[in-house]
PDB file of N, CA and C in Angstrom:
ATOM      1  N   UNK A   1       7.908  -2.548 -16.256  1.00  0.00           N
ATOM      2  CA  UNK A   1       7.049  -1.395 -16.352  1.00  0.00           C
ATOM      3  C   UNK A   1       6.363  -1.370 -17.700  1.00  0.00           C
ATOM      4  N   UNK A   2       5.160  -0.867 -17.716  1.00  0.00           N
ATOM      5  CA  UNK A   2       4.415  -0.742 -18.956  1.00  0.00           C
ATOM      6  C   UNK A   2       4.689   0.609 -19.583  1.00  0.00           C
ATOM      7  N   UNK A   3       4.545   0.669 -20.864  1.00  0.00           N
ATOM      8  CA  UNK A   3       4.711   1.922 -21.580  1.00  0.00           C
ATOM      9  C   UNK A   3       3.347   2.487 -21.920  1.00  0.00           C
ATOM     10  N   UNK A   4       3.177   3.786 -21.715  1.00  0.00           N
ATOM     11  CA  UNK A   4       1.912   4.409 -22.068  1.00  0.00           C
ATOM     12  C   UNK A   4       1.675   4.377 -23.565  1.00  0.00           C
ATOM     13  N   UNK A   5       2.744   4.224 -24.344  1.00  0.00           N
ATOM     14  CA  UNK A   5       2.612   4.173 -25.797  1.00  0.00           C
ATOM     15  C   UNK A   5       1.831   2.929 -26.236  1.00  0.00           C
ATOM     16  N   UNK A   6       1.792   1.897 -25.372  1.00  0.00           N
ATOM     17  CA  UNK A   6       1.063   0.675 -25.704  1.00  0.00           C
ATOM     18  C   UNK A   6      -0.441   0.920 -25.785  1.00  0.00           C
ATOM     19  N   UNK A   7      -0.941   1.952 -25.144  1.00  0.00           N
ATOM     20  CA  UNK A   7      -2.371   2.195 -25.022  1.00  0.00           C
ATOM     21  C   UNK A   7      -2.775   3.399 -25.867  1.00  0.00           C
ATOM     22  N   UNK A   8      -3.028   3.150 -27.124  1.00  0.00           N
ATOM     23  CA  UNK A   8      -3.465   4.189 -28.045  1.00  0.00           C
ATOM     24  C   UNK A   8      -4.958   4.445 -27.845  1.00  0.00           C
ATOM     25  N   UNK A   9      -5.424   5.687 -28.089  1.00  0.00           N
ATOM     26  CA  UNK A   9      -6.847   5.989 -27.876  1.00  0.00           C
ATOM     27  C   UNK A   9      -7.791   5.054 -28.624  1.00  0.00           C
ATOM     28  N   UNK A  10      -7.435   4.623 -29.830  1.00  0.00           N
ATOM     29  CA  UNK A  10      -8.336   3.739 -30.573  1.00  0.00           C
ATOM     30  C   UNK A  10      -8.412   2.344 -29.964  1.00  0.00           C
ATOM     31  N   UNK A  11      -7.452   1.976 -29.113  1.00  0.00           N
ATOM     32  CA  UNK A  11      -7.449   0.674 -28.453  1.00  0.00           C
ATOM     33  C   UNK A  11      -8.228   0.684 -27.144  1.00  0.00           C
ATOM     34  N   UNK A  12      -8.608   1.859 -26.691  1.00  0.00           N
ATOM     35  CA  UNK A  12      -9.285   1.980 -25.406  1.00  0.00           C
ATOM     36  C   UNK A  12     -10.780   2.162 -25.629  1.00  0.00           C
ATOM     37  N   UNK A  13     -11.601   1.217 -25.199  1.00  0.00           N
ATOM     38  CA  UNK A  13     -13.032   1.305 -25.437  1.00  0.00           C
ATOM     39  C   UNK A  13     -13.670   2.541 -24.807  1.00  0.00           C
ATOM     40  N   UNK A  14     -13.134   3.034 -23.694  1.00  0.00           N
ATOM     41  CA  UNK A  14     -13.739   4.186 -23.048  1.00  0.00           C
ATOM     42  C   UNK A  14     -13.548   5.463 -23.861  1.00  0.00           C
ATOM     43  N   UNK A  15     -12.515   5.517 -24.721  1.00  0.00           N
ATOM     44  CA  UNK A  15     -12.306   6.681 -25.574  1.00  0.00           C
ATOM     45  C   UNK A  15     -12.897   6.474 -26.959  1.00  0.00           C
ATOM     46  N   UNK A  16     -12.969   5.248 -27.401  1.00  0.00           N
ATOM     47  CA  UNK A  16     -13.443   4.958 -28.746  1.00  0.00           C
ATOM     48  C   UNK A  16     -14.961   5.072 -28.857  1.00  0.00           C
ATOM     49  N   UNK A  17     -15.683   4.894 -27.777  1.00  0.00           N
ATOM     50  CA  UNK A  17     -17.143   4.906 -27.814  1.00  0.00           C
ATOM     51  C   UNK A  17     -17.689   6.104 -27.039  1.00  0.00           C
ATOM     52  N   UNK A  18     -18.137   7.142 -27.751  1.00  0.00           N
ATOM     53  CA  UNK A  18     -18.657   8.318 -27.053  1.00  0.00           C
ATOM     54  C   UNK A  18     -19.916   8.013 -26.236  1.00  0.00           C
ATOM     55  N   UNK A  19     -20.592   6.914 -26.518  1.00  0.00           N
ATOM     56  CA  UNK A  19     -21.796   6.548 -25.768  1.00  0.00           C
ATOM     57  C   UNK A  19     -21.477   6.207 -24.318  1.00  0.00           C
ATOM     58  N   UNK A  20     -20.215   5.854 -24.049  1.00  0.00           N
ATOM     59  CA  UNK A  20     -19.825   5.524 -22.680  1.00  0.00           C
ATOM     60  C   UNK A  20     -19.650   6.774 -21.826  1.00  0.00           C
ATOM     61  N   UNK A  21     -19.706   7.942 -22.447  1.00  0.00           N
ATOM     62  CA  UNK A  21     -19.620   9.191 -21.697  1.00  0.00           C
ATOM     63  C   UNK A  21     -18.193   9.651 -21.499  1.00  0.00           C
ATOM     64  N   UNK A  22     -18.045  10.835 -20.912  1.00  0.00           N
ATOM     65  CA  UNK A  22     -16.705  11.389 -20.703  1.00  0.00           C
ATOM     66  C   UNK A  22     -15.951  10.598 -19.637  1.00  0.00           C
ATOM     67  N   UNK A  23     -14.665  10.566 -19.794  1.00  0.00           N
ATOM     68  CA  UNK A  23     -13.836   9.882 -18.810  1.00  0.00           C
ATOM     69  C   UNK A  23     -13.046  10.913 -18.029  1.00  0.00           C
ATOM     70  N   UNK A  24     -12.633  10.511 -16.858  1.00  0.00           N
ATOM     71  CA  UNK A  24     -11.806  11.406 -16.061  1.00  0.00           C
ATOM     72  C   UNK A  24     -10.389  11.405 -16.627  1.00  0.00           C
ATOM     73  N   UNK A  25      -9.652  12.469 -16.415  1.00  0.00           N
ATOM     74  CA  UNK A  25      -8.279  12.506 -16.924  1.00  0.00           C
ATOM     75  C   UNK A  25      -7.366  11.611 -16.076  1.00  0.00           C
ATOM     76  N   UNK A  26      -6.195  11.333 -16.598  1.00  0.00           N
ATOM     77  CA  UNK A  26      -5.203  10.581 -15.825  1.00  0.00           C
ATOM     78  C   UNK A  26      -4.879  11.374 -14.568  1.00  0.00           C
ATOM     79  N   UNK A  27      -4.636  10.670 -13.475  1.00  0.00           N
ATOM     80  CA  UNK A  27      -4.378  11.326 -12.191  1.00  0.00           C
ATOM     81  C   UNK A  27      -3.008  10.933 -11.668  1.00  0.00           C
ATOM     82  N   UNK A  28      -2.217  11.926 -11.323  1.00  0.00           N
ATOM     83  CA  UNK A  28      -0.913  11.685 -10.707  1.00  0.00           C
ATOM     84  C   UNK A  28      -1.160  11.341  -9.242  1.00  0.00           C
ATOM     85  N   UNK A  29      -0.510  10.272  -8.767  1.00  0.00           N
ATOM     86  CA  UNK A  29      -0.669   9.857  -7.374  1.00  0.00           C
ATOM     87  C   UNK A  29       0.639  10.141  -6.647  1.00  0.00           C
ATOM     88  N   UNK A  30       0.554  11.027  -5.668  1.00  0.00           N
ATOM     89  CA  UNK A  30       1.720  11.398  -4.871  1.00  0.00           C
ATOM     90  C   UNK A  30       1.483  10.991  -3.429  1.00  0.00           C
ATOM     91  N   UNK A  31       2.503  10.423  -2.827  1.00  0.00           N
ATOM     92  CA  UNK A  31       2.463  10.037  -1.426  1.00  0.00           C
ATOM     93  C   UNK A  31       3.525  10.892  -0.735  1.00  0.00           C
ATOM     94  N   UNK A  32       3.070  11.881  -0.005  1.00  0.00           N
ATOM     95  CA  UNK A  32       4.012  12.841   0.556  1.00  0.00           C
ATOM     96  C   UNK A  32       4.665  13.596  -0.583  1.00  0.00           C
ATOM     97  N   UNK A  33       5.971  13.572  -0.637  1.00  0.00           N
ATOM     98  CA  UNK A  33       6.703  14.238  -1.714  1.00  0.00           C
ATOM     99  C   UNK A  33       7.180  13.258  -2.779  1.00  0.00           C
ATOM    100  N   UNK A  34       6.689  12.017  -2.723  1.00  0.00           N
ATOM    101  CA  UNK A  34       7.089  10.981  -3.677  1.00  0.00           C
ATOM    102  C   UNK A  34       5.977  10.782  -4.698  1.00  0.00           C
ATOM    103  N   UNK A  35       6.331  10.830  -5.972  1.00  0.00           N
ATOM    104  CA  UNK A  35       5.359  10.527  -7.016  1.00  0.00           C
ATOM    105  C   UNK A  35       5.334   9.012  -7.187  1.00  0.00           C
ATOM    106  N   UNK A  36       4.220   8.408  -6.791  1.00  0.00           N
ATOM    107  CA  UNK A  36       4.088   6.955  -6.853  1.00  0.00           C
ATOM    108  C   UNK A  36       3.834   6.486  -8.275  1.00  0.00           C
ATOM    109  N   UNK A  37       3.020   7.236  -9.016  1.00  0.00           N
ATOM    110  CA  UNK A  37       2.690   6.847 -10.375  1.00  0.00           C
ATOM    111  C   UNK A  37       1.491   7.617 -10.867  1.00  0.00           C
ATOM    112  N   UNK A  38       0.868   7.092 -11.912  1.00  0.00           N
ATOM    113  CA  UNK A  38      -0.338   7.712 -12.439  1.00  0.00           C
ATOM    114  C   UNK A  38      -1.425   6.657 -12.583  1.00  0.00           C
ATOM    115  N   UNK A  39      -2.653   7.112 -12.457  1.00  0.00           N
ATOM    116  CA  UNK A  39      -3.827   6.255 -12.656  1.00  0.00           C
ATOM    117  C   UNK A  39      -4.496   6.722 -13.945  1.00  0.00           C
ATOM    118  N   UNK A  40      -4.499   5.842 -14.945  1.00  0.00           N
ATOM    119  CA  UNK A  40      -5.031   6.171 -16.269  1.00  0.00           C
ATOM    120  C   UNK A  40      -6.366   5.456 -16.468  1.00  0.00           C
ATOM    121  N   UNK A  41      -7.434   6.212 -16.772  1.00  0.00           N
ATOM    122  CA  UNK A  41      -8.731   5.565 -16.998  1.00  0.00           C
ATOM    123  C   UNK A  41      -8.651   4.513 -18.103  1.00  0.00           C
ATOM    124  N   UNK A  42      -9.288   3.386 -17.823  1.00  0.00           N
ATOM    125  CA  UNK A  42      -9.285   2.277 -18.781  1.00  0.00           C
ATOM    126  C   UNK A  42     -10.538   1.457 -18.557  1.00  0.00           C
ATOM    127  N   UNK A  43     -11.390   1.392 -19.555  1.00  0.00           N
ATOM    128  CA  UNK A  43     -12.624   0.616 -19.412  1.00  0.00           C
ATOM    129  C   UNK A  43     -13.441   1.116 -18.251  1.00  0.00           C
ATOM    130  N   UNK A  44     -13.695   0.274 -17.278  1.00  0.00           N
ATOM    131  CA  UNK A  44     -14.511   0.650 -16.117  1.00  0.00           C
ATOM    132  C   UNK A  44     -13.671   0.933 -14.883  1.00  0.00           C
ATOM    133  N   UNK A  45     -12.399   1.170 -15.063  1.00  0.00           N
ATOM    134  CA  UNK A  45     -11.532   1.453 -13.920  1.00  0.00           C
ATOM    135  C   UNK A  45     -10.349   2.300 -14.338  1.00  0.00           C
ATOM    136  N   UNK A  46      -9.278   2.189 -13.568  1.00  0.00           N
ATOM    137  CA  UNK A  46      -8.040   2.897 -13.881  1.00  0.00           C
ATOM    138  C   UNK A  46      -6.882   1.915 -13.771  1.00  0.00           C
ATOM    139  N   UNK A  47      -5.907   2.076 -14.629  1.00  0.00           N
ATOM    140  CA  UNK A  47      -4.697   1.256 -14.582  1.00  0.00           C
ATOM    141  C   UNK A  47      -3.599   2.098 -13.966  1.00  0.00           C
ATOM    142  N   UNK A  48      -2.869   1.506 -13.019  1.00  0.00           N
ATOM    143  CA  UNK A  48      -1.787   2.197 -12.325  1.00  0.00           C
ATOM    144  C   UNK A  48      -0.469   1.949 -13.050  1.00  0.00           C
ATOM    145  N   UNK A  49       0.260   3.022 -13.301  1.00  0.00           N
ATOM    146  CA  UNK A  49       1.606   2.942 -13.873  1.00  0.00           C
ATOM    147  C   UNK A  49       2.563   3.543 -12.852  1.00  0.00           C
ATOM    148  N   UNK A  50       3.491   2.740 -12.338  1.00  0.00           N
ATOM    149  CA  UNK A  50       4.397   3.227 -11.305  1.00  0.00           C
ATOM    150  C   UNK A  50       5.464   4.138 -11.900  1.00  0.00           C
ATOM    151  N   UNK A  51       5.904   5.077 -11.068  1.00  0.00           N
ATOM    152  CA  UNK A  51       6.987   5.961 -11.488  1.00  0.00           C
ATOM    153  C   UNK A  51       8.162   5.897 -10.520  1.00  0.00           C
ATOM    154  N   UNK A  52       8.057   5.032  -9.518  1.00  0.00           N
ATOM    155  CA  UNK A  52       9.142   4.826  -8.556  1.00  0.00           C
ATOM    156  C   UNK A  52       9.220   3.328  -8.257  1.00  0.00           C
ATOM    157  N   UNK A  53      10.418   2.843  -8.031  1.00  0.00           N
ATOM    158  CA  UNK A  53      10.623   1.403  -7.802  1.00  0.00           C
ATOM    159  C   UNK A  53       9.811   0.851  -6.633  1.00  0.00           C
ATOM    160  N   UNK A  54       9.610   1.659  -5.613  1.00  0.00           N
ATOM    161  CA  UNK A  54       8.846   1.192  -4.454  1.00  0.00           C
ATOM    162  C   UNK A  54       7.422   0.783  -4.815  1.00  0.00           C
ATOM    163  N   UNK A  55       6.919   1.255  -5.949  1.00  0.00           N
ATOM    164  CA  UNK A  55       5.540   0.990  -6.335  1.00  0.00           C
ATOM    165  C   UNK A  55       5.435   0.058  -7.542  1.00  0.00           C
ATOM    166  N   UNK A  56       6.569  -0.538  -7.946  1.00  0.00           N
ATOM    167  CA  UNK A  56       6.554  -1.435  -9.105  1.00  0.00           C
ATOM    168  C   UNK A  56       5.646  -2.642  -8.898  1.00  0.00           C
ATOM    169  N   UNK A  57       5.401  -3.034  -7.672  1.00  0.00           N
ATOM    170  CA  UNK A  57       4.501  -4.149  -7.401  1.00  0.00           C
ATOM    171  C   UNK A  57       3.060  -3.842  -7.787  1.00  0.00           C
ATOM    172  N   UNK A  58       2.727  -2.566  -7.896  1.00  0.00           N
ATOM    173  CA  UNK A  58       1.378  -2.157  -8.289  1.00  0.00           C
ATOM    174  C   UNK A  58       1.287  -1.853  -9.783  1.00  0.00           C
ATOM    175  N   UNK A  59       2.429  -1.823 -10.451  1.00  0.00           N
ATOM    176  CA  UNK A  59       2.473  -1.427 -11.866  1.00  0.00           C
ATOM    177  C   UNK A  59       1.595  -2.337 -12.718  1.00  0.00           C
ATOM    178  N   UNK A  60       0.701  -1.740 -13.479  1.00  0.00           N
ATOM    179  CA  UNK A  60      -0.178  -2.497 -14.360  1.00  0.00           C
ATOM    180  C   UNK A  60      -1.468  -2.961 -13.700  1.00  0.00           C
ATOM    181  N   UNK A  61      -1.583  -2.785 -12.386  1.00  0.00           N
ATOM    182  CA  UNK A  61      -2.801  -3.212 -11.683  1.00  0.00           C
ATOM    183  C   UNK A  61      -3.968  -2.309 -12.076  1.00  0.00           C
ATOM    184  N   UNK A  62      -5.164  -2.905 -12.154  1.00  0.00           N
ATOM    185  CA  UNK A  62      -6.368  -2.143 -12.481  1.00  0.00           C
ATOM    186  C   UNK A  62      -7.201  -2.003 -11.209  1.00  0.00           C
ATOM    187  N   UNK A  63      -7.618  -0.777 -10.932  1.00  0.00           N
ATOM    188  CA  UNK A  63      -8.445  -0.467  -9.763  1.00  0.00           C
ATOM    189  C   UNK A  63      -9.760   0.118 -10.244  1.00  0.00           C
ATOM    190  N   UNK A  64     -10.787   0.049  -9.412  1.00  0.00           N
ATOM    191  CA  UNK A  64     -12.081   0.613  -9.802  1.00  0.00           C
ATOM    192  C   UNK A  64     -12.026   2.135  -9.897  1.00  0.00           C
ATOM    193  N   UNK A  65     -11.282   2.762  -8.973  1.00  0.00           N
ATOM    194  CA  UNK A  65     -11.188   4.221  -8.967  1.00  0.00           C
ATOM    195  C   UNK A  65      -9.744   4.646  -8.743  1.00  0.00           C
ATOM    196  N   UNK A  66      -9.468   5.903  -9.062  1.00  0.00           N
ATOM    197  CA  UNK A  66      -8.133   6.448  -8.806  1.00  0.00           C
ATOM    198  C   UNK A  66      -7.868   6.501  -7.302  1.00  0.00           C
ATOM    199  N   UNK A  67      -8.918   6.724  -6.509  1.00  0.00           N
ATOM    200  CA  UNK A  67      -8.743   6.761  -5.054  1.00  0.00           C
ATOM    201  C   UNK A  67      -8.325   5.396  -4.522  1.00  0.00           C
ATOM    202  N   UNK A  68      -8.847   4.310  -5.074  1.00  0.00           N
ATOM    203  CA  UNK A  68      -8.408   2.975  -4.653  1.00  0.00           C
ATOM    204  C   UNK A  68      -6.938   2.762  -4.993  1.00  0.00           C
ATOM    205  N   UNK A  69      -6.520   3.241  -6.145  1.00  0.00           N
ATOM    206  CA  UNK A  69      -5.107   3.135  -6.524  1.00  0.00           C
ATOM    207  C   UNK A  69      -4.244   3.930  -5.558  1.00  0.00           C
ATOM    208  N   UNK A  70      -4.707   5.123  -5.173  1.00  0.00           N
ATOM    209  CA  UNK A  70      -3.957   5.959  -4.226  1.00  0.00           C
ATOM    210  C   UNK A  70      -3.873   5.280  -2.860  1.00  0.00           C
ATOM    211  N   UNK A  71      -4.972   4.652  -2.414  1.00  0.00           N
ATOM    212  CA  UNK A  71      -4.947   3.936  -1.130  1.00  0.00           C
ATOM    213  C   UNK A  71      -3.952   2.784  -1.161  1.00  0.00           C
ATOM    214  N   UNK A  72      -3.908   2.050  -2.280  1.00  0.00           N
ATOM    215  CA  UNK A  72      -2.965   0.932  -2.401  1.00  0.00           C
ATOM    216  C   UNK A  72      -1.531   1.457  -2.362  1.00  0.00           C
ATOM    217  N   UNK A  73      -1.286   2.582  -3.005  1.00  0.00           N
ATOM    218  CA  UNK A  73       0.064   3.168  -2.995  1.00  0.00           C
ATOM    219  C   UNK A  73       0.434   3.646  -1.593  1.00  0.00           C
ATOM    220  N   UNK A  74      -0.520   4.257  -0.884  1.00  0.00           N
ATOM    221  CA  UNK A  74      -0.251   4.696   0.493  1.00  0.00           C
ATOM    222  C   UNK A  74       0.043   3.503   1.393  1.00  0.00           C
ATOM    223  N   UNK A  75      -0.714   2.422   1.229  1.00  0.00           N
ATOM    224  CA  UNK A  75      -0.497   1.220   2.042  1.00  0.00           C
ATOM    225  C   UNK A  75       0.883   0.641   1.768  1.00  0.00           C
ATOM    226  N   UNK A  76       1.274   0.640   0.509  1.00  0.00           N
ATOM    227  CA  UNK A  76       2.595   0.121   0.148  1.00  0.00           C
ATOM    228  C   UNK A  76       3.696   0.985   0.747  1.00  0.00           C
ATOM    229  N   UNK A  77       3.502   2.307   0.717  1.00  0.00           N
ATOM    230  CA  UNK A  77       4.495   3.223   1.277  1.00  0.00           C
ATOM    231  C   UNK A  77       4.576   3.066   2.792  1.00  0.00           C
ATOM    232  N   UNK A  78       3.440   2.939   3.464  1.00  0.00           N
ATOM    233  CA  UNK A  78       3.468   2.809   4.923  1.00  0.00           C
ATOM    234  C   UNK A  78       4.112   1.493   5.337  1.00  0.00           C
ATOM    235  N   UNK A  79       3.946   0.442   4.544  1.00  0.00           N
ATOM    236  CA  UNK A  79       4.593  -0.839   4.851  1.00  0.00           C
ATOM    237  C   UNK A  79       6.107  -0.719   4.712  1.00  0.00           C
ATOM    238  N   UNK A  80       6.564   0.110   3.784  1.00  0.00           N
ATOM    239  CA  UNK A  80       8.001   0.287   3.559  1.00  0.00           C
ATOM    240  C   UNK A  80       8.646   1.211   4.584  1.00  0.00           C
ATOM    241  N   UNK A  81       7.864   2.119   5.175  1.00  0.00           N
ATOM    242  CA  UNK A  81       8.446   3.110   6.074  1.00  0.00           C
ATOM    243  C   UNK A  81       8.332   2.730   7.539  1.00  0.00           C
ATOM    244  N   UNK A  82       7.832   1.544   7.834  1.00  0.00           N
ATOM    245  CA  UNK A  82       7.773   1.105   9.235  1.00  0.00           C
ATOM    246  C   UNK A  82       9.182   0.961   9.772  1.00  0.00           C
ATOM    247  N   UNK A  83       9.308   1.113  11.044  1.00  0.00           N
ATOM    248  CA  UNK A  83      10.612   1.043  11.688  1.00  0.00           C
ATOM    249  C   UNK A  83      11.282  -0.305  11.451  1.00  0.00           C
ATOM    250  N   UNK A  84      12.521  -0.309  10.933  1.00  0.00           N
ATOM    251  CA  UNK A  84      13.213  -1.581  10.716  1.00  0.00           C
ATOM    252  C   UNK A  84      13.440  -2.343  12.021  1.00  0.00           C
ATOM    253  N   UNK A  85      13.653  -1.627  13.123  1.00  0.00           N
ATOM    254  CA  UNK A  85      13.870  -2.298  14.406  1.00  0.00           C
ATOM    255  C   UNK A  85      12.613  -3.062  14.807  1.00  0.00           C
ATOM    256  N   UNK A  86      11.468  -2.468  14.566  1.00  0.00           N
ATOM    257  CA  UNK A  86      10.205  -3.117  14.919  1.00  0.00           C
ATOM    258  C   UNK A  86       9.924  -4.303  14.001  1.00  0.00           C
ATOM    259  N   UNK A  87      10.319  -4.194  12.745  1.00  0.00           N
ATOM    260  CA  UNK A  87      10.053  -5.262  11.782  1.00  0.00           C
ATOM    261  C   UNK A  87      10.824  -6.534  12.117  1.00  0.00           C
ATOM    262  N   UNK A  88      11.988  -6.407  12.748  1.00  0.00           N
ATOM    263  CA  UNK A  88      12.813  -7.578  13.059  1.00  0.00           C
ATOM    264  C   UNK A  88      12.523  -8.164  14.439  1.00  0.00           C
ATOM    265  N   UNK A  89      11.716  -7.480  15.221  1.00  0.00           N
ATOM    266  CA  UNK A  89      11.398  -7.952  16.546  1.00  0.00           C
ATOM    267  C   UNK A  89      10.354  -9.067  16.455  1.00  0.00           C
ATOM    268  N   UNK A  90      10.558 -10.200  17.119  1.00  0.00           N
ATOM    269  CA  UNK A  90       9.567 -11.287  17.036  1.00  0.00           C
ATOM    270  C   UNK A  90       8.252 -10.869  17.724  1.00  0.00           C
ATOM    271  N   UNK A  91       7.172 -11.395  17.208  1.00  0.00           N
ATOM    272  CA  UNK A  91       5.859 -11.094  17.799  1.00  0.00           C
ATOM    273  C   UNK A  91       5.729 -11.775  19.152  1.00  0.00           C
ATOM    274  N   UNK A  92       5.098 -11.094  20.087  1.00  0.00           N
ATOM    275  CA  UNK A  92       4.876 -11.658  21.413  1.00  0.00           C
ATOM    276  C   UNK A  92       3.628 -12.521  21.381  1.00  0.00           C
ATOM    277  N   UNK A  93       3.692 -13.630  22.079  1.00  0.00           N
ATOM    278  CA  UNK A  93       2.548 -14.516  22.151  1.00  0.00           C
ATOM    279  C   UNK A  93       1.908 -14.405  23.525  1.00  0.00           C
ATOM    280  N   UNK A  94       0.599 -14.505  23.529  1.00  0.00           N
ATOM    281  CA  UNK A  94      -0.106 -14.503  24.805  1.00  0.00           C
ATOM    282  C   UNK A  94      -0.076 -15.892  25.420  1.00  0.00           C
ATOM    283  N   UNK A  95       0.047 -15.927  26.710  1.00  0.00           N
ATOM    284  CA  UNK A  95       0.117 -17.204  27.414  1.00  0.00           C
ATOM    285  C   UNK A  95      -1.257 -17.776  27.654  1.00  0.00           C
TER     286      UNK A  95
END
């Protein structure tokens, strides 16, 4: 996991240069009642920091928007919550 302390405002070009305009605030991403992580603006996108082990595979990933990060977290959650019985069943082939 990454530490938010690693990213000081002076190290972030989007905060250091007022010519780039205002940035959106960090966004908490929740999937149902689970907090997946936060999306922190960085450069021209957002960096995802996971807050639950199920989302560690996305930790540190950069997305264009916070909504893309939320979609990736939802996809990861839906892949984890599929029925275990269905996951172990072999795929049927067409004849």
